[in-house]
PDB file of N, CA and C in Angstrom:
ATOM      1  N   MET A   1       0.838  -1.178   0.000  1.00  0.00           N
ATOM      2  CA  MET A   1       0.000   0.000   0.000  1.00  0.00           C
ATOM      3  C   MET A   1       0.883   1.241   0.000  1.00  0.00           C
ATOM      4  N   THR A   2       0.407   2.282  -0.606  1.00  0.00           N
ATOM      5  CA  THR A   2       1.199   3.500  -0.646  1.00  0.00           C
ATOM      6  C   THR A   2       0.306   4.720  -0.442  1.00  0.00           C
ATOM      7  N   THR A   3       0.875   5.697   0.210  1.00  0.00           N
ATOM      8  CA  THR A   3       0.149   6.959   0.386  1.00  0.00           C
ATOM      9  C   THR A   3       0.893   8.101  -0.283  1.00  0.00           C
ATOM     10  N   GLY A   4       2.050   7.788  -0.869  1.00  0.00           N
ATOM     11  CA  GLY A   4       2.849   8.828  -1.509  1.00  0.00           C
ATOM     12  C   GLY A   4       3.252   8.429  -2.910  1.00  0.00           C
ATOM     13  N   THR A   5       4.444   8.849  -3.283  1.00  0.00           N
ATOM     14  CA  THR A   5       4.921   8.577  -4.635  1.00  0.00           C
ATOM     15  C   THR A   5       5.725   7.286  -4.740  1.00  0.00           C
ATOM     16  N   SER A   6       6.019   6.657  -3.623  1.00  0.00           N
ATOM     17  CA  SER A   6       6.755   5.392  -3.665  1.00  0.00           C
ATOM     18  C   SER A   6       5.839   4.240  -3.267  1.00  0.00           C
ATOM     19  N   LEU A   7       6.144   3.095  -3.776  1.00  0.00           N
ATOM     20  CA  LEU A   7       5.330   1.907  -3.540  1.00  0.00           C
ATOM     21  C   LEU A   7       5.935   1.078  -2.420  1.00  0.00           C
ATOM     22  N   ARG A   8       5.117   0.747  -1.427  1.00  0.00           N
ATOM     23  CA  ARG A   8       5.539  -0.123  -0.335  1.00  0.00           C
ATOM     24  C   ARG A   8       4.530  -1.252  -0.215  1.00  0.00           C
ATOM     25  N   LEU A   9       5.021  -2.470  -0.192  1.00  0.00           N
ATOM     26  CA  LEU A   9       4.133  -3.614  -0.062  1.00  0.00           C
ATOM     27  C   LEU A   9       3.778  -3.836   1.392  1.00  0.00           C
ATOM     28  N   SER A  10       2.573  -4.258   1.614  1.00  0.00           N
ATOM     29  CA  SER A  10       2.128  -4.578   2.953  1.00  0.00           C
ATOM     30  C   SER A  10       2.862  -5.820   3.445  1.00  0.00           C
ATOM     31  N   GLU A  11       3.078  -5.915   4.729  1.00  0.00           N
ATOM     32  CA  GLU A  11       3.727  -7.097   5.293  1.00  0.00           C
ATOM     33  C   GLU A  11       2.931  -8.351   4.994  1.00  0.00           C
ATOM     34  N   LYS A  12       1.636  -8.242   4.829  1.00  0.00           N
ATOM     35  CA  LYS A  12       0.799  -9.403   4.541  1.00  0.00           C
ATOM     36  C   LYS A  12       1.120 -10.014   3.179  1.00  0.00           C
ATOM     37  N   LEU A  13       1.695  -9.221   2.275  1.00  0.00           N
ATOM     38  CA  LEU A  13       2.037  -9.727   0.956  1.00  0.00           C
ATOM     39  C   LEU A  13       3.404 -10.398   0.932  1.00  0.00           C
ATOM     40  N   ASP A  14       4.175 -10.243   1.991  1.00  0.00           N
ATOM     41  CA  ASP A  14       5.509 -10.814   2.049  1.00  0.00           C
ATOM     42  C   ASP A  14       5.423 -12.303   2.343  1.00  0.00           C
ATOM     43  N   ASP A  15       5.882 -13.124   1.392  1.00  0.00           N
ATOM     44  CA  ASP A  15       5.837 -14.569   1.590  1.00  0.00           C
ATOM     45  C   ASP A  15       7.244 -15.152   1.712  1.00  0.00           C
ATOM     46  N   SER A  16       8.183 -14.343   2.169  1.00  0.00           N
ATOM     47  CA  SER A  16       9.574 -14.789   2.270  1.00  0.00           C
ATOM     48  C   SER A  16       9.740 -15.943   3.248  1.00  0.00           C
ATOM     49  N   GLY A  17       8.807 -16.145   4.117  1.00  0.00           N
ATOM     50  CA  GLY A  17       8.864 -17.251   5.059  1.00  0.00           C
ATOM     51  C   GLY A  17       8.304 -18.544   4.505  1.00  0.00           C
ATOM     52  N   SER A  18       7.819 -18.516   3.296  1.00  0.00           N
ATOM     53  CA  SER A  18       7.238 -19.700   2.679  1.00  0.00           C
ATOM     54  C   SER A  18       8.302 -20.754   2.450  1.00  0.00           C
ATOM     55  N   HIS A  19       7.944 -22.020   2.657  1.00  0.00           N
ATOM     56  CA  HIS A  19       8.873 -23.129   2.480  1.00  0.00           C
ATOM     57  C   HIS A  19       8.718 -23.788   1.112  1.00  0.00           C
ATOM     58  N   ILE A  20       7.816 -23.300   0.275  1.00  0.00           N
ATOM     59  CA  ILE A  20       7.593 -23.880  -1.040  1.00  0.00           C
ATOM     60  C   ILE A  20       8.476 -23.157  -2.044  1.00  0.00           C
ATOM     61  N   SER A  21       9.151 -23.900  -2.864  1.00  0.00           N
ATOM     62  CA  SER A  21      10.022 -23.324  -3.881  1.00  0.00           C
ATOM     63  C   SER A  21       9.225 -22.481  -4.862  1.00  0.00           C
ATOM     64  N   GLU A  22       9.775 -21.338  -5.247  1.00  0.00           N
ATOM     65  CA  GLU A  22       9.103 -20.479  -6.219  1.00  0.00           C
ATOM     66  C   GLU A  22       8.950 -21.189  -7.551  1.00  0.00           C
ATOM     67  N   ASP A  23       9.893 -22.047  -7.924  1.00  0.00           N
ATOM     68  CA  ASP A  23       9.837 -22.758  -9.198  1.00  0.00           C
ATOM     69  C   ASP A  23       8.595 -23.618  -9.311  1.00  0.00           C
ATOM     70  N   HIS A  24       8.041 -24.031  -8.194  1.00  0.00           N
ATOM     71  CA  HIS A  24       6.836 -24.858  -8.187  1.00  0.00           C
ATOM     72  C   HIS A  24       5.658 -24.128  -8.830  1.00  0.00           C
ATOM     73  N   PHE A  25       5.626 -22.825  -8.733  1.00  0.00           N
ATOM     74  CA  PHE A  25       4.500 -22.036  -9.211  1.00  0.00           C
ATOM     75  C   PHE A  25       4.733 -21.407 -10.585  1.00  0.00           C
ATOM     76  N   ILE A  26       5.922 -21.550 -11.135  1.00  0.00           N
ATOM     77  CA  ILE A  26       6.231 -20.895 -12.403  1.00  0.00           C
ATOM     78  C   ILE A  26       5.683 -21.720 -13.558  1.00  0.00           C
ATOM     79  N   THR A  27       4.843 -21.094 -14.352  1.00  0.00           N
ATOM     80  CA  THR A  27       4.312 -21.688 -15.564  1.00  0.00           C
ATOM     81  C   THR A  27       4.480 -20.668 -16.673  1.00  0.00           C
ATOM     82  N   LYS A  28       4.911 -21.137 -17.820  1.00  0.00           N
ATOM     83  CA  LYS A  28       5.073 -20.218 -18.941  1.00  0.00           C
ATOM     84  C   LYS A  28       3.716 -19.672 -19.348  1.00  0.00           C
ATOM     85  N   LEU A  29       3.706 -18.402 -19.718  1.00  0.00           N
ATOM     86  CA  LEU A  29       2.473 -17.742 -20.122  1.00  0.00           C
ATOM     87  C   LEU A  29       1.818 -18.476 -21.284  1.00  0.00           C
ATOM     88  N   ALA A  30       2.608 -18.972 -22.212  1.00  0.00           N
ATOM     89  CA  ALA A  30       2.064 -19.711 -23.356  1.00  0.00           C
ATOM     90  C   ALA A  30       1.304 -20.953 -22.902  1.00  0.00           C
ATOM     91  N   GLU A  31       1.798 -21.624 -21.868  1.00  0.00           N
ATOM     92  CA  GLU A  31       1.113 -22.815 -21.352  1.00  0.00           C
ATOM     93  C   GLU A  31      -0.213 -22.453 -20.696  1.00  0.00           C
ATOM     94  N   VAL A  32      -0.222 -21.348 -19.967  1.00  0.00           N
ATOM     95  CA  VAL A  32      -1.460 -20.888 -19.332  1.00  0.00           C
ATOM     96  C   VAL A  32      -2.478 -20.524 -20.403  1.00  0.00           C
ATOM     97  N   GLU A  33      -2.017 -19.803 -21.435  1.00  0.00           N
ATOM     98  CA  GLU A  33      -2.902 -19.402 -22.526  1.00  0.00           C
ATOM     99  C   GLU A  33      -3.445 -20.622 -23.262  1.00  0.00           C
ATOM    100  N   LYS A  34      -2.580 -21.591 -23.549  1.00  0.00           N
ATOM    101  CA  LYS A  34      -3.001 -22.808 -24.244  1.00  0.00           C
ATOM    102  C   LYS A  34      -4.055 -23.566 -23.437  1.00  0.00           C
ATOM    103  N   HIS A  35      -3.817 -23.716 -22.155  1.00  0.00           N
ATOM    104  CA  HIS A  35      -4.761 -24.422 -21.288  1.00  0.00           C
ATOM    105  C   HIS A  35      -6.115 -23.719 -21.265  1.00  0.00           C
ATOM    106  N   HIS A  36      -6.084 -22.387 -21.183  1.00  0.00           N
ATOM    107  CA  HIS A  36      -7.332 -21.617 -21.121  1.00  0.00           C
ATOM    108  C   HIS A  36      -8.095 -21.710 -22.444  1.00  0.00           C
ATOM    109  N   ILE A  37      -7.387 -21.597 -23.555  1.00  0.00           N
ATOM    110  CA  ILE A  37      -8.038 -21.709 -24.864  1.00  0.00           C
ATOM    111  C   ILE A  37      -8.663 -23.093 -25.023  1.00  0.00           C
ATOM    112  N   LEU A  38      -7.939 -24.136 -24.653  1.00  0.00           N
ATOM    113  CA  LEU A  38      -8.481 -25.498 -24.753  1.00  0.00           C
ATOM    114  C   LEU A  38      -9.716 -25.674 -23.884  1.00  0.00           C
ATOM    115  N   LYS A  39      -9.679 -25.111 -22.689  1.00  0.00           N
ATOM    116  CA  LYS A  39     -10.826 -25.192 -21.779  1.00  0.00           C
ATOM    117  C   LYS A  39     -12.059 -24.550 -22.405  1.00  0.00           C
ATOM    118  N   ILE A  40     -11.891 -23.372 -22.992  1.00  0.00           N
ATOM    119  CA  ILE A  40     -13.014 -22.671 -23.610  1.00  0.00           C
ATOM    120  C   ILE A  40     -13.480 -23.400 -24.864  1.00  0.00           C
ATOM    121  N   LEU A  41     -12.556 -23.931 -25.657  1.00  0.00           N
ATOM    122  CA  LEU A  41     -12.948 -24.681 -26.851  1.00  0.00           C
ATOM    123  C   LEU A  41     -13.768 -25.916 -26.484  1.00  0.00           C
ATOM    124  N   LYS A  42     -13.368 -26.601 -25.443  1.00  0.00           N
ATOM    125  CA  LYS A  42     -14.145 -27.762 -24.996  1.00  0.00           C
ATOM    126  C   LYS A  42     -15.539 -27.334 -24.557  1.00  0.00           C
ATOM    127  N   LYS A  43     -15.606 -26.204 -23.857  1.00  0.00           N
ATOM    128  CA  LYS A  43     -16.897 -25.687 -23.375  1.00  0.00           C
ATOM    129  C   LYS A  43     -17.823 -25.336 -24.533  1.00  0.00           C
ATOM    130  N   THR A  44     -17.245 -24.885 -25.666  1.00  0.00           N
ATOM    131  CA  THR A  44     -18.050 -24.476 -26.820  1.00  0.00           C
ATOM    132  C   THR A  44     -18.137 -25.584 -27.884  1.00  0.00           C
ATOM    133  N   ASN A  45     -17.781 -26.797 -27.494  1.00  0.00           N
ATOM    134  CA  ASN A  45     -17.769 -27.930 -28.429  1.00  0.00           C
ATOM    135  C   ASN A  45     -16.914 -27.642 -29.653  1.00  0.00           C
ATOM    136  N   TRP A  46     -15.790 -26.994 -29.429  1.00  0.00           N
ATOM    137  CA  TRP A  46     -14.765 -26.709 -30.436  1.00  0.00           C
ATOM    138  C   TRP A  46     -15.232 -25.729 -31.503  1.00  0.00           C
ATOM    139  N   ARG A  47     -16.248 -24.970 -31.205  1.00  0.00           N
ATOM    140  CA  ARG A  47     -16.712 -23.932 -32.125  1.00  0.00           C
ATOM    141  C   ARG A  47     -15.884 -22.682 -31.882  1.00  0.00           C
ATOM    142  N   ILE A  48     -15.311 -22.127 -32.939  1.00  0.00           N
ATOM    143  CA  ILE A  48     -14.437 -20.962 -32.811  1.00  0.00           C
ATOM    144  C   ILE A  48     -15.207 -19.661 -32.933  1.00  0.00           C
ATOM    145  N   ASP A  49     -16.038 -19.537 -33.972  1.00  0.00           N
ATOM    146  CA  ASP A  49     -16.720 -18.260 -34.156  1.00  0.00           C
ATOM    147  C   ASP A  49     -18.229 -18.411 -34.083  1.00  0.00           C
ATOM    148  N   GLY A  50     -18.910 -17.298 -34.199  1.00  0.00           N
ATOM    149  CA  GLY A  50     -20.356 -17.275 -34.038  1.00  0.00           C
ATOM    150  C   GLY A  50     -20.724 -16.828 -32.634  1.00  0.00           C
ATOM    151  N   SER A  51     -22.012 -16.679 -32.413  1.00  0.00           N
ATOM    152  CA  SER A  51     -22.476 -16.146 -31.129  1.00  0.00           C
ATOM    153  C   SER A  51     -22.203 -17.074 -29.949  1.00  0.00           C
ATOM    154  N   LYS A  52     -21.996 -18.345 -30.220  1.00  0.00           N
ATOM    155  CA  LYS A  52     -21.702 -19.308 -29.146  1.00  0.00           C
ATOM    156  C   LYS A  52     -20.297 -19.879 -29.268  1.00  0.00           C
ATOM    157  N   GLY A  53     -19.424 -19.146 -29.958  1.00  0.00           N
ATOM    158  CA  GLY A  53     -18.066 -19.618 -30.184  1.00  0.00           C
ATOM    159  C   GLY A  53     -17.082 -19.184 -29.118  1.00  0.00           C
ATOM    160  N   ALA A  54     -15.949 -19.828 -29.144  1.00  0.00           N
ATOM    161  CA  ALA A  54     -14.891 -19.562 -28.168  1.00  0.00           C
ATOM    162  C   ALA A  54     -14.326 -18.146 -28.294  1.00  0.00           C
ATOM    163  N   ALA A  55     -14.265 -17.632 -29.523  1.00  0.00           N
ATOM    164  CA  ALA A  55     -13.691 -16.293 -29.713  1.00  0.00           C
ATOM    165  C   ALA A  55     -14.477 -15.240 -28.938  1.00  0.00           C
ATOM    166  N   ILE A  56     -15.796 -15.355 -28.960  1.00  0.00           N
ATOM    167  CA  ILE A  56     -16.637 -14.401 -28.214  1.00  0.00           C
ATOM    168  C   ILE A  56     -16.332 -14.482 -26.720  1.00  0.00           C
ATOM    169  N   LEU A  57     -16.265 -15.705 -26.190  1.00  0.00           N
ATOM    170  CA  LEU A  57     -16.007 -15.877 -24.754  1.00  0.00           C
ATOM    171  C   LEU A  57     -14.620 -15.371 -24.354  1.00  0.00           C
ATOM    172  N   LEU A  58     -13.677 -15.474 -25.279  1.00  0.00           N
ATOM    173  CA  LEU A  58     -12.314 -15.025 -24.988  1.00  0.00           C
ATOM    174  C   LEU A  58     -12.089 -13.553 -25.308  1.00  0.00           C
ATOM    175  N   GLY A  59     -13.083 -12.923 -25.937  1.00  0.00           N
ATOM    176  CA  GLY A  59     -12.952 -11.517 -26.284  1.00  0.00           C
ATOM    177  C   GLY A  59     -11.981 -11.289 -27.427  1.00  0.00           C
ATOM    178  N   LEU A  60     -11.902 -12.253 -28.341  1.00  0.00           N
ATOM    179  CA  LEU A  60     -10.987 -12.174 -29.467  1.00  0.00           C
ATOM    180  C   LEU A  60     -11.741 -12.233 -30.794  1.00  0.00           C
ATOM    181  N   HIS A  61     -11.126 -11.703 -31.832  1.00  0.00           N
ATOM    182  CA  HIS A  61     -11.636 -11.906 -33.181  1.00  0.00           C
ATOM    183  C   HIS A  61     -11.354 -13.374 -33.526  1.00  0.00           C
ATOM    184  N   PRO A  62     -12.250 -14.049 -34.227  1.00  0.00           N
ATOM    185  CA  PRO A  62     -12.027 -15.465 -34.563  1.00  0.00           C
ATOM    186  C   PRO A  62     -10.681 -15.729 -35.250  1.00  0.00           C
ATOM    187  N   ASN A  63     -10.260 -14.832 -36.138  1.00  0.00           N
ATOM    188  CA  ASN A  63      -8.968 -15.029 -36.805  1.00  0.00           C
ATOM    189  C   ASN A  63      -7.797 -14.894 -35.834  1.00  0.00           C
ATOM    190  N   THR A  64      -7.943 -14.040 -34.844  1.00  0.00           N
ATOM    191  CA  THR A  64      -6.909 -13.906 -33.813  1.00  0.00           C
ATOM    192  C   THR A  64      -6.812 -15.195 -33.010  1.00  0.00           C
ATOM    193  N   LEU A  65      -7.965 -15.754 -32.665  1.00  0.00           N
ATOM    194  CA  LEU A  65      -7.968 -17.021 -31.930  1.00  0.00           C
ATOM    195  C   LEU A  65      -7.334 -18.123 -32.764  1.00  0.00           C
ATOM    196  N   ARG A  66      -7.678 -18.203 -34.031  1.00  0.00           N
ATOM    197  CA  ARG A  66      -7.077 -19.220 -34.905  1.00  0.00           C
ATOM    198  C   ARG A  66      -5.558 -19.061 -34.963  1.00  0.00           C
ATOM    199  N   GLY A  67      -5.095 -17.819 -35.061  1.00  0.00           N
ATOM    200  CA  GLY A  67      -3.664 -17.561 -35.088  1.00  0.00           C
ATOM    201  C   GLY A  67      -2.965 -17.998 -33.815  1.00  0.00           C
ATOM    202  N   ARG A  68      -3.590 -17.717 -32.701  1.00  0.00           N
ATOM    203  CA  ARG A  68      -3.000 -18.131 -31.419  1.00  0.00           C
ATOM    204  C   ARG A  68      -2.993 -19.654 -31.275  1.00  0.00           C
ATOM    205  N   MET A  69      -4.046 -20.291 -31.783  1.00  0.00           N
ATOM    206  CA  MET A  69      -4.116 -21.749 -31.734  1.00  0.00           C
ATOM    207  C   MET A  69      -2.987 -22.356 -32.565  1.00  0.00           C
ATOM    208  N   GLU A  70      -2.728 -21.799 -33.745  1.00  0.00           N
ATOM    209  CA  GLU A  70      -1.643 -22.286 -34.597  1.00  0.00           C
ATOM    210  C   GLU A  70      -0.285 -22.091 -33.915  1.00  0.00           C
ATOM    211  N   LYS A  71      -0.121 -20.943 -33.296  1.00  0.00           N
ATOM    212  CA  LYS A  71       1.127 -20.623 -32.626  1.00  0.00           C
ATOM    213  C   LYS A  71       1.377 -21.565 -31.442  1.00  0.00           C
ATOM    214  N   LEU A  72       0.330 -21.919 -30.724  1.00  0.00           N
ATOM    215  CA  LEU A  72       0.457 -22.746 -29.522  1.00  0.00           C
ATOM    216  C   LEU A  72       0.467 -24.246 -29.801  1.00  0.00           C
ATOM    217  N   ALA A  73       0.187 -24.633 -31.043  1.00  0.00           N
ATOM    218  CA  ALA A  73       0.116 -26.066 -31.387  1.00  0.00           C
ATOM    219  C   ALA A  73       1.469 -26.727 -31.320  1.00  0.00           C
TER     220      ALA A  73
END
């Protein structure tokens, strides 16, 4: 929290006492994106565009979604 021009984190946000390795929580952004796209595609029965398509749910243009799918394949 900050009240001035510098940023200070609250002590509650400090997890330096944690015994879990930070590497345990690191996931590449591409993997997170791929997992999320697959989840939405399954939910929409693999429909990409249209009013009930994955692109609408993801807030993307259908061609953008197709491009990301190709990139993540």
